[in-house]
Amino acid sequence: MKIRIGYGLGTRSETNDQERFDELIDGLEQHDFDSLWLSERLTSDCPDPLVGMAYACGRTKKLKVGMSVMVLPGRNPVVLAKSLASLDRLSAGRVVPAFGLGVANSAEQQAFGVARNERGAWFNEALPLMRRLWAEDNVTHRGPRFDIEDVTVRPKPVKGHLDVWLGGRAPLEMKRVGVHGDGWLPSFCTVADVEAGRTEIERIADEHDRAIEDDHWGVLISYRDASEPIPERMLALLADRNPEASPEDVLPTKENLPAALQRFIDVGFSKFVLIPSTEPVVWGPELAEVSAIVKPLAN
């Protein structure tokens, strides 16, 4: 099983100017990290994921790029399918899309223009339509939100499709993974959480005559510096997303990353996205240090 380790920027990231972003993506490429994952929050300082992904692909040759996650409800699926397929072609197949419903925040919801109780239905119609547009020509679709006739999106992705990753561990989120996802990338999880979640997702997928590949199970892991206290905002996020988990189980120190990752590897998970609880002042030394720590796990 190939172990892939990437990096992510959180929704509060201030890595959003040329010098700092260049340092990040150059370091990821130099130290052979697998991928860069960009979060979406319209009202925060983090860069737009699609723009950041395109910039990163243009500057690198190996680095994969993904979203953690991009909001789908409120976007035109035909236009987005064209954008992602184009980026996949121009990057020689390095795009790994990941979608979600969006945060429960009034400012964000106003910007996307989709009522909270409509987001799930929008998602469930838009994603299958995008898959058809990537794989087929002359697509006709009649639905409650989208009505298109004989539409062809070109260019097609390199493989003729894009593998779509989804997150979340609530029952409806795991059902969405089983029905629509090609991979699962939850956050703030214990090993017991993901082991139980995988069993449930595989059960749902089987009910829908689907299967998720063995190397498409991952975890997003926030790590911390042992010399500093856990940031209050991270404790608040943990209390909101997984109140039963202890910070020590879910927010490992940098030095304990190999042991933390190995526990997930032991239950069949192989894709990891690391996010520092507090971003470093300078990315270069941080990436070099973390690379040396986790490199023995990568293969």
Protein backbone atom coordinates (compact mmCIF):
# COMPACT_ATOMS: atom_id res chain seq x y z
CA MET A 1 0.00 0.00 0.00
CA LYS A 2 1.49 3.32 -1.08
CA ILE A 3 1.53 5.94 1.67
CA ARG A 4 0.93 9.48 0.42
CA ILE A 5 1.49 12.51 2.64
CA GLY A 6 0.41 16.00 1.64
CA TYR A 7 -0.14 19.39 3.25
CA GLY A 8 -3.20 21.56 3.66
CA LEU A 9 -3.97 25.19 4.43
CA GLY A 10 -6.83 25.83 6.84
CA THR A 11 -9.60 28.35 6.40
CA ARG A 12 -7.71 30.92 8.49
CA SER A 13 -4.47 30.59 6.55
CA GLU A 14 -2.58 33.78 5.74
CA THR A 15 -0.37 32.05 3.18
CA ASN A 16 -1.93 34.20 0.51
CA ASP A 17 0.78 36.38 -1.04
CA GLN A 18 3.26 35.39 -3.74
CA GLU A 19 6.40 35.11 -1.64
CA ARG A 20 4.86 33.00 1.11
CA PHE A 21 2.83 30.81 -1.24
CA ASP A 22 5.87 30.23 -3.45
CA GLU A 23 7.87 29.14 -0.43
CA LEU A 24 5.16 26.66 0.52
CA ILE A 25 4.69 25.01 -2.87
CA ASP A 26 8.42 25.03 -3.67
CA GLY A 27 9.11 23.30 -0.35
CA LEU A 28 6.40 20.71 -0.92
CA GLU A 29 7.84 19.88 -4.33
CA GLN A 30 11.43 19.86 -3.10
CA HIS A 31 10.69 17.49 -0.21
CA ASP A 32 8.50 15.16 -2.29
CA PHE A 33 5.22 15.74 -0.49
CA ASP A 34 2.34 14.22 -2.41
CA SER A 35 -0.14 17.06 -2.57
CA LEU A 36 -1.40 20.50 -1.54
CA TRP A 37 -4.98 20.94 -0.32
CA LEU A 38 -6.62 24.37 -0.14
CA SER A 39 -9.63 25.21 2.01
CA GLU A 40 -12.45 27.50 0.95
CA ARG A 41 -13.87 30.35 3.02
CA LEU A 42 -15.01 33.42 1.11
CA THR A 43 -14.92 35.62 4.19
CA SER A 44 -11.47 34.56 5.42
CA ASP A 45 -7.87 35.24 4.37
CA CYS A 46 -7.20 31.84 2.77
CA PRO A 47 -6.70 31.92 -1.02
CA ASP A 48 -9.43 30.80 -3.38
CA PRO A 49 -8.81 27.08 -3.93
CA LEU A 50 -9.23 26.99 -7.71
CA VAL A 51 -6.94 29.98 -8.21
CA GLY A 52 -4.37 28.60 -5.75
CA MET A 53 -4.46 25.17 -7.36
CA ALA A 54 -3.87 26.62 -10.81
CA TYR A 55 -0.96 28.72 -9.56
CA ALA A 56 0.61 25.75 -7.77
CA CYS A 57 0.28 23.50 -10.82
CA GLY A 58 1.94 26.12 -13.00
CA ARG A 59 4.93 26.36 -10.68
CA THR A 60 5.46 22.63 -10.02
CA LYS A 61 5.83 19.39 -11.99
CA LYS A 62 4.87 16.65 -9.51
CA LEU A 63 2.70 18.17 -6.79
CA LYS A 64 -0.97 17.13 -6.85
CA VAL A 65 -3.58 19.71 -5.86
CA GLY A 66 -6.96 19.38 -4.17
CA MET A 67 -9.58 21.24 -2.20
CA SER A 68 -10.39 20.62 1.44
CA VAL A 69 -13.09 21.33 0.53
CA MET A 70 -14.72 23.41 -2.22
CA VAL A 71 -18.37 24.35 -1.74
CA LEU A 72 -20.49 22.83 -4.53
CA PRO A 73 -24.01 24.15 -3.82
CA GLY A 74 -24.29 27.54 -5.52
CA ARG A 75 -21.86 26.82 -8.33
CA ASN A 76 -22.74 26.13 -11.95
CA PRO A 77 -21.73 22.46 -12.46
CA VAL A 78 -21.11 22.87 -16.20
CA VAL A 79 -18.73 25.81 -15.71
CA LEU A 80 -16.96 24.11 -12.79
CA ALA A 81 -16.62 20.85 -14.72
CA LYS A 82 -14.93 22.78 -17.54
CA SER A 83 -12.55 24.59 -15.15
CA LEU A 84 -11.44 21.45 -13.31
CA ALA A 85 -11.07 19.38 -16.48
CA SER A 86 -8.97 22.16 -18.05
CA LEU A 87 -6.71 22.36 -15.00
CA ASP A 88 -6.36 18.57 -14.94
CA ARG A 89 -5.23 18.57 -18.58
CA LEU A 90 -2.83 21.48 -18.14
CA SER A 91 -1.28 19.85 -15.05
CA ALA A 92 -0.97 16.36 -16.63
CA GLY A 93 -3.57 14.81 -14.34
CA ARG A 94 -2.67 16.29 -10.96
CA VAL A 95 -6.11 17.53 -9.85
CA VAL A 96 -7.91 15.81 -6.94
CA PRO A 97 -11.26 17.55 -6.37
CA ALA A 98 -13.02 17.42 -3.02
CA PHE A 99 -16.43 18.96 -2.42
CA GLY A 100 -18.69 19.80 0.49
CA LEU A 101 -21.92 21.60 1.34
CA GLY A 102 -20.38 24.66 2.95
CA VAL A 103 -20.13 25.93 6.49
CA ALA A 104 -23.18 26.95 8.51
CA ASN A 105 -22.40 30.65 8.37
CA SER A 106 -24.87 33.32 7.26
CA ALA A 107 -22.30 35.40 5.37
CA GLU A 108 -21.03 32.35 3.46
CA GLN A 109 -24.53 31.11 2.69
CA GLN A 110 -25.59 34.53 1.39
CA ALA A 111 -22.60 34.57 -0.94
CA PHE A 112 -23.45 31.19 -2.47
CA GLY A 113 -27.17 31.95 -2.57
CA VAL A 114 -28.42 28.52 -1.53
CA ALA A 115 -30.70 27.99 1.46
CA ARG A 116 -29.25 25.71 4.11
CA ASN A 117 -31.98 23.12 3.65
CA GLU A 118 -31.40 23.06 -0.13
CA ARG A 119 -27.66 22.38 -0.11
CA GLY A 120 -27.87 18.59 0.05
CA ALA A 121 -30.30 18.30 -2.85
CA TRP A 122 -28.19 20.73 -4.93
CA PHE A 123 -25.06 18.67 -4.22
CA ASN A 124 -26.76 15.38 -5.05
CA GLU A 125 -27.85 16.69 -8.45
CA ALA A 126 -24.73 18.68 -9.36
CA LEU A 127 -22.01 16.10 -8.67
CA PRO A 128 -23.43 13.26 -10.82
CA LEU A 129 -23.99 15.80 -13.59
CA MET A 130 -20.35 16.88 -13.42
CA ARG A 131 -19.24 13.26 -13.64
CA ARG A 132 -21.29 12.83 -16.81
CA LEU A 133 -19.84 16.01 -18.30
CA TRP A 134 -16.29 14.75 -17.65
CA ALA A 135 -16.96 11.33 -19.15
CA GLU A 136 -19.58 11.86 -21.89
CA ASP A 137 -20.37 14.02 -24.87
CA ASN A 138 -23.81 15.41 -25.76
CA VAL A 139 -25.12 15.36 -22.19
CA THR A 140 -28.81 15.99 -21.62
CA HIS A 141 -30.08 16.45 -18.07
CA ARG A 142 -33.51 17.43 -16.78
CA GLY A 143 -33.55 18.20 -13.09
CA PRO A 144 -35.13 20.54 -10.54
CA ARG A 145 -32.07 22.84 -10.55
CA PHE A 146 -30.30 22.23 -13.85
CA ASP A 147 -31.77 21.74 -17.30
CA ILE A 148 -29.31 21.22 -20.16
CA GLU A 149 -29.60 19.63 -23.59
CA ASP A 150 -26.86 18.16 -25.78
CA VAL A 151 -23.99 19.84 -23.87
CA THR A 152 -20.39 18.71 -24.36
CA VAL A 153 -17.61 19.92 -22.07
CA ARG A 154 -14.08 19.78 -23.45
CA PRO A 155 -11.27 19.14 -22.85
CA LYS A 156 -11.90 15.94 -20.92
CA PRO A 157 -9.78 15.09 -17.85
CA VAL A 158 -6.62 13.09 -18.51
CA LYS A 159 -8.14 9.80 -17.33
CA GLY A 160 -11.59 10.61 -18.72
CA HIS A 161 -12.84 11.23 -15.19
CA LEU A 162 -11.76 12.82 -11.91
CA ASP A 163 -11.70 11.00 -8.58
CA VAL A 164 -13.83 13.00 -6.15
CA TRP A 165 -13.01 12.97 -2.44
CA LEU A 166 -15.52 13.82 0.27
CA GLY A 167 -15.14 14.42 3.99
CA GLY A 168 -17.30 14.37 7.09
CA ARG A 169 -18.31 11.66 9.53
CA ALA A 170 -21.92 12.51 10.36
CA PRO A 171 -24.40 9.87 9.14
CA LEU A 172 -25.60 11.93 6.16
CA GLU A 173 -22.02 12.82 5.24
CA MET A 174 -20.93 9.19 5.26
CA LYS A 175 -23.98 8.25 3.21
CA ARG A 176 -22.94 10.88 0.65
CA VAL A 177 -19.46 9.34 0.49
CA GLY A 178 -20.90 5.88 -0.08
CA VAL A 179 -23.27 7.09 -2.81
CA HIS A 180 -21.12 9.71 -4.57
CA GLY A 181 -17.50 9.60 -3.38
CA ASP A 182 -14.35 8.02 -4.79
CA GLY A 183 -12.43 8.65 -1.58
CA TRP A 184 -12.95 9.68 2.05
CA LEU A 185 -10.89 12.35 3.82
CA PRO A 186 -12.37 13.17 7.27
CA SER A 187 -10.79 15.38 9.94
CA PHE A 188 -10.58 15.52 13.75
CA CYS A 189 -10.90 11.72 13.87
CA THR A 190 -9.57 8.94 16.06
CA VAL A 191 -8.53 5.59 14.63
CA ALA A 192 -11.73 4.06 16.00
CA ASP A 193 -13.76 6.77 14.24
CA VAL A 194 -12.31 6.10 10.80
CA GLU A 195 -12.36 2.34 11.19
CA ALA A 196 -16.08 2.40 12.01
CA GLY A 197 -16.71 5.02 9.34
CA ARG A 198 -15.07 2.97 6.62
CA THR A 199 -17.20 -0.04 7.50
CA GLU A 200 -20.37 2.05 7.23
CA ILE A 201 -19.34 3.76 3.99
CA GLU A 202 -18.45 0.44 2.37
CA ARG A 203 -21.83 -0.94 3.42
CA ILE A 204 -23.63 2.00 1.80
CA ALA A 205 -21.47 1.83 -1.33
CA ASP A 206 -22.23 -1.87 -1.71
CA GLU A 207 -25.97 -1.14 -1.49
CA HIS A 208 -25.53 1.18 -4.48
CA ASP A 209 -23.35 -1.26 -6.48
CA ARG A 210 -20.27 0.88 -5.89
CA ALA A 211 -16.85 0.29 -4.38
CA ILE A 212 -14.16 2.65 -3.10
CA GLU A 213 -10.61 1.65 -3.98
CA ASP A 214 -8.34 0.46 -1.17
CA ASP A 215 -5.94 3.38 -1.62
CA HIS A 216 -8.69 6.02 -1.47
CA TRP A 217 -9.04 6.19 2.30
CA GLY A 218 -7.40 9.15 3.99
CA VAL A 219 -7.32 11.41 7.03
CA LEU A 220 -6.71 15.11 7.47
CA ILE A 221 -4.51 15.56 10.56
CA SER A 222 -3.80 18.81 12.41
CA TYR A 223 -0.50 18.65 14.25
CA ARG A 224 1.00 20.94 16.88
CA ASP A 225 4.30 22.06 18.32
CA ALA A 226 4.97 20.31 21.63
CA SER A 227 6.51 23.48 23.08
CA GLU A 228 3.31 25.49 22.64
CA PRO A 229 -0.19 25.08 24.10
CA ILE A 230 -2.93 23.82 21.82
CA PRO A 231 -4.55 26.89 20.22
CA GLU A 232 -7.96 27.70 21.69
CA ARG A 233 -9.53 27.76 18.24
CA MET A 234 -8.37 24.17 17.63
CA LEU A 235 -9.87 23.07 20.93
CA ALA A 236 -13.11 24.79 19.94
CA LEU A 237 -13.13 23.03 16.58
CA LEU A 238 -12.51 19.69 18.24
CA ALA A 239 -15.31 20.30 20.75
CA ASP A 240 -17.64 21.10 17.86
CA ARG A 241 -16.68 18.31 15.47
CA ASN A 242 -15.73 15.45 17.77
CA PRO A 243 -16.45 16.27 21.43
CA GLU A 244 -15.82 12.72 22.59
CA ALA A 245 -12.21 12.68 21.35
CA SER A 246 -9.30 13.84 23.48
CA PRO A 247 -6.90 16.47 22.07
CA GLU A 248 -3.97 14.09 22.55
CA ASP A 249 -5.61 11.51 20.27
CA VAL A 250 -6.63 13.92 17.51
CA LEU A 251 -3.99 16.69 17.60
CA PRO A 252 -0.61 14.93 17.72
CA THR A 253 2.64 16.76 18.25
CA LYS A 254 5.01 17.12 15.32
CA GLU A 255 7.41 14.58 16.82
CA ASN A 256 4.59 12.06 17.33
CA LEU A 257 3.35 12.23 13.72
CA PRO A 258 4.96 8.89 12.70
CA ALA A 259 3.22 7.02 15.52
CA ALA A 260 -0.09 8.79 14.85
CA LEU A 261 0.01 8.06 11.12
CA GLN A 262 1.06 4.47 11.69
CA ARG A 263 -2.05 3.80 13.74
CA PHE A 264 -4.19 4.88 10.79
CA ILE A 265 -2.03 2.90 8.37
CA ASP A 266 -2.59 -0.20 10.49
CA VAL A 267 -6.36 -0.02 9.80
CA GLY A 268 -5.97 0.51 6.05
CA PHE A 269 -5.70 4.27 5.58
CA SER A 270 -2.97 5.53 3.30
CA LYS A 271 -3.55 9.17 2.30
CA PHE A 272 -2.77 11.92 4.81
CA VAL A 273 -3.09 15.70 4.71
CA LEU A 274 -1.13 17.52 7.41
CA ILE A 275 -2.17 20.95 8.66
CA PRO A 276 -0.13 22.80 11.30
CA SER A 277 -2.30 24.06 14.15
CA THR A 278 -0.30 27.28 13.96
CA GLU A 279 1.30 28.19 10.65
CA PRO A 280 5.08 28.70 10.79
CA VAL A 281 6.58 32.13 10.25
CA VAL A 282 8.69 30.59 7.47
CA TRP A 283 7.57 27.51 5.54
CA GLY A 284 10.94 26.21 4.32
CA PRO A 285 12.42 24.97 7.63
CA GLU A 286 9.04 23.60 8.76
CA LEU A 287 8.61 21.48 5.65
CA ALA A 288 12.19 20.23 5.83
CA GLU A 289 11.71 19.20 9.46
CA VAL A 290 8.37 17.48 8.94
CA SER A 291 9.66 15.74 5.83
CA ALA A 292 12.53 14.25 7.82
CA ILE A 293 10.08 13.09 10.51
CA VAL A 294 7.51 11.41 8.26
CA LYS A 295 9.64 10.38 5.29
CA PRO A 296 10.31 6.86 6.62
CA LEU A 297 6.55 6.18 6.33
CA ALA A 298 6.22 7.29 2.71
CA ASN A 299 6.99 4.78 -0.03
